[in-house]
Protein backbone atom coordinates (compact mmCIF):
# COMPACT_ATOMS: atom_id res chain seq x y z
CA MET A 1 4.35 13.61 -56.42
CA PRO A 2 6.12 13.42 -53.06
CA THR A 3 9.85 12.80 -52.93
CA GLU A 4 10.54 9.07 -52.59
CA LEU A 5 13.83 7.27 -51.95
CA ASP A 6 14.45 3.55 -52.42
CA LEU A 7 17.50 1.34 -52.03
CA ARG A 8 17.46 -0.79 -55.16
CA SER A 9 19.52 -3.56 -56.72
CA TYR A 10 19.31 -3.88 -60.52
CA ALA A 11 19.35 -7.34 -62.10
CA ALA A 12 21.52 -8.57 -64.96
CA GLU A 13 18.45 -8.79 -67.18
CA PRO A 14 17.72 -5.32 -68.61
CA LEU A 15 14.79 -3.52 -67.00
CA SER A 16 13.06 -0.82 -69.05
CA GLY A 17 10.41 1.72 -68.19
CA VAL A 18 8.83 5.14 -68.68
CA HIS A 19 7.34 7.24 -65.87
CA ASN A 20 5.84 10.69 -65.38
CA HIS A 21 8.23 11.74 -62.61
CA ALA A 22 11.92 12.54 -62.63
CA GLN A 23 14.39 10.02 -61.28
CA LEU A 24 17.97 10.05 -60.03
CA VAL A 25 19.94 6.81 -59.95
CA LEU A 26 22.79 7.11 -57.47
CA PRO A 27 24.92 3.93 -57.26
CA ILE A 28 26.56 3.39 -53.87
CA GLN A 29 28.05 -0.01 -54.68
CA GLY A 30 28.93 -1.49 -58.06
CA SER A 31 27.90 -0.20 -61.47
CA VAL A 32 24.66 0.06 -63.44
CA ILE A 33 24.51 0.04 -67.23
CA MET A 34 22.02 2.72 -68.28
CA ASP A 35 20.50 3.74 -71.59
CA ILE A 36 18.31 6.84 -71.68
CA THR A 37 16.64 7.24 -75.11
CA GLY A 38 19.72 5.97 -76.89
CA ARG A 39 22.32 7.70 -74.72
CA GLY A 40 24.19 4.98 -72.88
CA ALA A 41 26.69 5.08 -70.03
CA VAL A 42 27.87 3.14 -67.02
CA VAL A 43 26.85 4.83 -63.77
CA HIS A 44 28.78 4.15 -60.58
CA PRO A 45 29.53 5.87 -57.25
CA GLN A 46 31.25 8.71 -59.13
CA ARG A 47 28.54 9.14 -61.81
CA ALA A 48 24.79 9.62 -61.41
CA ALA A 49 22.03 9.15 -63.98
CA PHE A 50 19.14 11.58 -64.34
CA VAL A 51 15.99 10.37 -66.11
CA ALA A 52 13.59 13.11 -67.14
CA PRO A 53 9.83 12.43 -67.16
CA GLY A 54 8.55 10.54 -70.18
CA LEU A 55 11.90 9.17 -71.33
CA LEU A 56 12.39 5.48 -72.05
CA HIS A 57 15.28 4.13 -70.01
CA VAL A 58 16.88 0.74 -69.62
CA ALA A 59 19.03 -0.40 -66.69
CA SER A 60 20.96 -3.58 -65.92
CA ALA A 61 23.87 -4.59 -63.72
CA THR A 62 26.29 -7.42 -62.99
CA GLY A 63 27.93 -8.36 -59.73
CA PRO A 64 27.21 -6.81 -56.30
CA LYS A 65 25.32 -3.54 -56.70
CA ARG A 66 23.19 -1.16 -54.68
CA SER A 67 21.75 2.16 -55.78
CA LEU A 68 19.76 4.92 -54.16
CA VAL A 69 16.87 5.76 -56.49
CA LEU A 70 15.25 9.12 -55.88
CA ASP A 71 11.88 9.88 -57.51
CA PHE A 72 10.63 13.48 -57.50
CA ASP A 73 8.47 16.04 -59.27
CA LEU A 74 10.58 17.94 -61.80
CA ALA A 75 8.03 20.76 -61.88
CA ALA A 76 9.03 21.63 -58.31
CA VAL A 77 12.66 22.16 -59.35
CA PRO A 78 13.88 25.62 -60.50
CA GLN A 79 13.81 25.80 -64.29
CA ASP A 80 17.53 26.49 -64.72
CA THR A 81 18.45 23.48 -62.58
CA ALA A 82 15.98 21.24 -64.41
CA ALA A 83 17.35 22.41 -67.78
CA ARG A 84 20.94 21.65 -66.81
CA LEU A 85 20.01 18.18 -65.60
CA CYS A 86 18.09 17.43 -68.79
CA GLU A 87 21.06 18.52 -70.91
CA ARG A 88 23.43 16.24 -69.02
CA PRO A 89 21.65 12.99 -68.06
CA TYR A 90 24.91 11.55 -66.72
CA ALA A 91 26.46 13.78 -64.07
CA SER A 92 29.76 13.27 -62.29
CA ILE A 93 29.47 13.09 -58.52
CA GLY A 94 31.98 15.40 -56.85
CA ALA A 95 33.09 15.15 -53.24
CA PRO A 96 30.37 17.48 -51.83
CA ALA A 97 27.59 15.58 -53.64
CA ALA A 98 29.06 12.22 -52.59
CA LYS A 99 29.02 13.25 -48.93
CA LEU A 100 25.45 14.44 -49.31
CA ILE A 101 24.38 11.16 -50.94
CA ASP A 102 26.03 9.19 -48.14
CA PHE A 103 24.25 11.30 -45.54
CA ILE A 104 20.86 10.91 -47.21
CA GLY A 105 21.31 7.14 -47.40
CA LEU A 106 22.37 6.98 -43.76
CA LEU A 107 19.48 9.19 -42.69
CA ARG A 108 17.02 6.97 -44.51
CA ALA A 109 18.48 3.78 -43.05
CA GLN A 110 18.80 4.97 -39.47
CA SER A 111 15.71 7.06 -38.93
CA GLY A 112 13.37 6.07 -41.75
CA ALA A 113 13.24 9.71 -42.78
CA GLY A 114 9.92 10.72 -44.21
CA GLU A 115 9.17 12.35 -47.53
CA ALA A 116 9.18 15.88 -46.10
CA THR A 117 12.64 15.40 -44.58
CA LEU A 118 14.04 13.97 -47.82
CA ALA A 119 12.54 16.83 -49.81
CA HIS A 120 14.63 19.28 -47.76
CA TRP A 121 17.82 17.79 -49.18
CA LEU A 122 16.70 17.57 -52.81
CA PRO A 123 17.49 21.16 -53.98
CA LEU A 124 21.02 21.03 -52.58
CA LEU A 125 21.68 17.63 -54.18
CA LEU A 126 20.32 18.65 -57.58
CA GLU A 127 22.27 21.92 -57.67
CA SER A 128 25.43 20.04 -56.66
CA LEU A 129 24.96 17.53 -59.50
CA ALA A 130 24.13 20.33 -61.96
CA ARG A 131 27.33 22.10 -60.90
CA GLN A 132 25.46 25.28 -60.08
CA GLU A 133 26.16 27.86 -57.43
CA ILE A 134 24.16 26.71 -54.43
CA ARG A 135 21.21 28.96 -53.65
CA PRO A 136 20.79 30.26 -50.07
CA ALA A 137 17.30 28.73 -50.06
CA SER A 138 18.79 25.31 -50.86
CA ARG A 139 21.35 25.62 -48.08
CA LEU A 140 18.57 26.61 -45.71
CA ALA A 141 16.36 23.69 -46.77
CA ALA A 142 19.22 21.25 -46.16
CA VAL A 143 19.91 22.49 -42.66
CA LEU A 144 16.19 22.35 -41.87
CA GLY A 145 16.26 18.68 -42.83
CA GLN A 146 19.29 18.10 -40.63
CA ILE A 147 17.65 19.78 -37.64
CA GLU A 148 14.37 17.92 -38.15
CA ALA A 149 16.30 14.64 -38.13
CA HIS A 150 18.11 15.57 -34.90
CA PRO A 151 15.99 18.11 -32.98
CA GLY A 152 17.68 17.35 -29.66
CA GLN A 153 21.10 18.62 -30.67
CA ALA A 154 22.37 21.93 -29.30
CA TRP A 155 21.16 24.04 -32.23
CA SER A 156 22.33 27.58 -31.62
CA THR A 157 22.12 30.06 -34.49
CA GLU A 158 25.88 29.68 -34.83
CA ALA A 159 25.55 25.89 -35.14
CA MET A 160 22.78 26.26 -37.72
CA ALA A 161 24.84 28.74 -39.74
CA LYS A 162 27.86 26.43 -39.70
CA ALA A 163 25.76 23.47 -40.88
CA ALA A 164 24.34 25.61 -43.69
CA HIS A 165 27.78 27.01 -44.65
CA MET A 166 26.45 30.53 -44.07
CA SER A 167 27.25 33.46 -41.86
CA VAL A 168 24.83 34.05 -38.99
CA SER A 169 23.53 37.19 -40.69
CA SER A 170 22.94 35.29 -43.95
CA LEU A 171 21.12 32.58 -42.02
CA HIS A 172 18.79 35.13 -40.43
CA ARG A 173 18.16 36.69 -43.84
CA ALA A 174 17.36 33.28 -45.39
CA PHE A 175 14.91 32.43 -42.59
CA ARG A 176 13.24 35.81 -43.02
CA ASP A 177 13.03 35.58 -46.81
CA GLU A 178 11.94 31.94 -47.04
CA LEU A 179 9.98 31.31 -43.83
CA GLN A 180 9.13 34.77 -42.45
CA THR A 181 10.52 33.87 -39.03
CA THR A 182 13.77 33.67 -37.09
CA PRO A 183 15.99 30.60 -36.61
CA LEU A 184 15.24 30.24 -32.90
CA ALA A 185 11.51 30.79 -33.31
CA TRP A 186 11.41 28.10 -36.01
CA LEU A 187 13.46 25.75 -33.81
CA SER A 188 11.08 26.24 -30.87
CA GLU A 189 8.07 25.41 -33.02
CA LEU A 190 9.83 22.35 -34.50
CA ARG A 191 10.75 20.96 -31.09
CA LEU A 192 7.24 21.45 -29.79
CA ARG A 193 5.71 19.70 -32.85
CA TRP A 194 8.19 16.84 -32.51
CA ALA A 195 7.43 16.42 -28.81
CA CYS A 196 3.69 16.43 -29.47
CA ARG A 197 4.04 13.71 -32.14
CA GLN A 198 6.02 11.55 -29.76
CA LEU A 199 3.52 12.07 -26.96
CA ALA A 200 0.68 11.06 -29.24
CA HIS A 201 2.26 8.10 -31.01
CA THR A 202 4.90 6.59 -28.69
CA GLY A 203 5.13 5.41 -25.12
CA LEU A 204 8.44 7.13 -24.43
CA PRO A 205 8.73 8.45 -20.86
CA ILE A 206 8.01 12.17 -20.88
CA ALA A 207 11.34 13.04 -19.24
CA ARG A 208 13.24 11.09 -21.90
CA LEU A 209 11.13 12.51 -24.69
CA ALA A 210 11.77 16.05 -23.46
CA THR A 211 15.55 15.73 -23.66
CA MET A 212 15.32 14.02 -27.06
CA ALA A 213 13.35 17.02 -28.31
CA GLY A 214 16.02 19.43 -27.09
CA TYR A 215 14.48 20.60 -23.82
CA ALA A 216 16.61 20.81 -20.69
CA ASP A 217 14.23 18.58 -18.75
CA GLN A 218 10.58 17.61 -18.39
CA SER A 219 9.67 20.84 -16.63
CA ALA A 220 11.01 22.85 -19.58
CA LEU A 221 8.76 20.89 -21.95
CA THR A 222 5.82 21.34 -19.60
CA HIS A 223 6.42 25.10 -19.52
CA ALA A 224 6.65 25.27 -23.32
CA MET A 225 3.43 23.30 -23.81
CA ARG A 226 1.53 25.32 -21.22
CA ARG A 227 2.63 28.55 -22.86
CA ALA A 228 1.88 27.47 -26.44
CA LEU A 229 -1.02 25.02 -26.04
CA ASP A 230 -2.30 25.56 -22.51
CA ILE A 231 -1.91 21.88 -21.67
CA THR A 232 0.64 19.65 -19.90
CA PRO A 233 2.49 16.80 -21.66
CA LEU A 234 0.65 14.14 -19.64
CA ALA A 235 -2.76 15.68 -20.33
CA TYR A 236 -1.90 16.02 -24.03
CA ARG A 237 -0.90 12.35 -24.24
CA LYS A 238 -4.09 11.22 -22.53
CA ARG A 239 -6.24 13.38 -24.80
CA GLU A 240 -4.56 12.12 -27.97
CA ARG A 241 -4.81 8.49 -26.88
CA GLN A 242 -8.51 8.94 -26.20
CA ASN A 243 -9.03 10.51 -29.61
CA GLN A 244 -7.21 7.60 -31.27
CA THR A 245 -9.43 5.01 -29.58
CA LYS A 246 -12.53 6.82 -30.82
CA THR A 247 -11.47 6.70 -34.48
């Protein structure tokens, strides 16, 4: 299943359920009383609950409460991380994980981040909650999500490495091992895809769209699209609008 994130408020009346996906309950305000197959605890902003697939769980709350609820496919998680989470269904939320949870919630609220963007942050969050050493691939995935959410920022390799808490050489190695490309080549492709989506689905002025995508100006976007796609931004927009009216 795709990664899904909801902002949920639990009621005082206990709510029970069983599902085939894994679930994280991350309270951001108030407390939730949880019971996972007989193991009960109060989860709050300093304690998360992990519900493995197929387990009966019951949740209730009193007073003001809000929780981020993250549903995901446990089969896509490395086995050692999944095993640690299953062993400890209630995990303390340290400062790094708390900052990450806050960022994910803010990202969802401000930009309506899609499933693919949320999935980038999942490995880092799970490894933080499992108290594991963070894998380079997880650090890379998280910075990819950050760049995809803000493509127009000044993303040099140094800025990417800092965001990923890596050295520049480690960043290059992670891009090569995981994506078979370089940081700047990936960034160029991302910005071009982002600009094309905006041209096709929004009415943003092309000059404004270009700077939002990270290009110096409209002419820089035009040059990039001519080189990669052999088309100008205006012609691309017209073509995509025509295709949409036909369907």
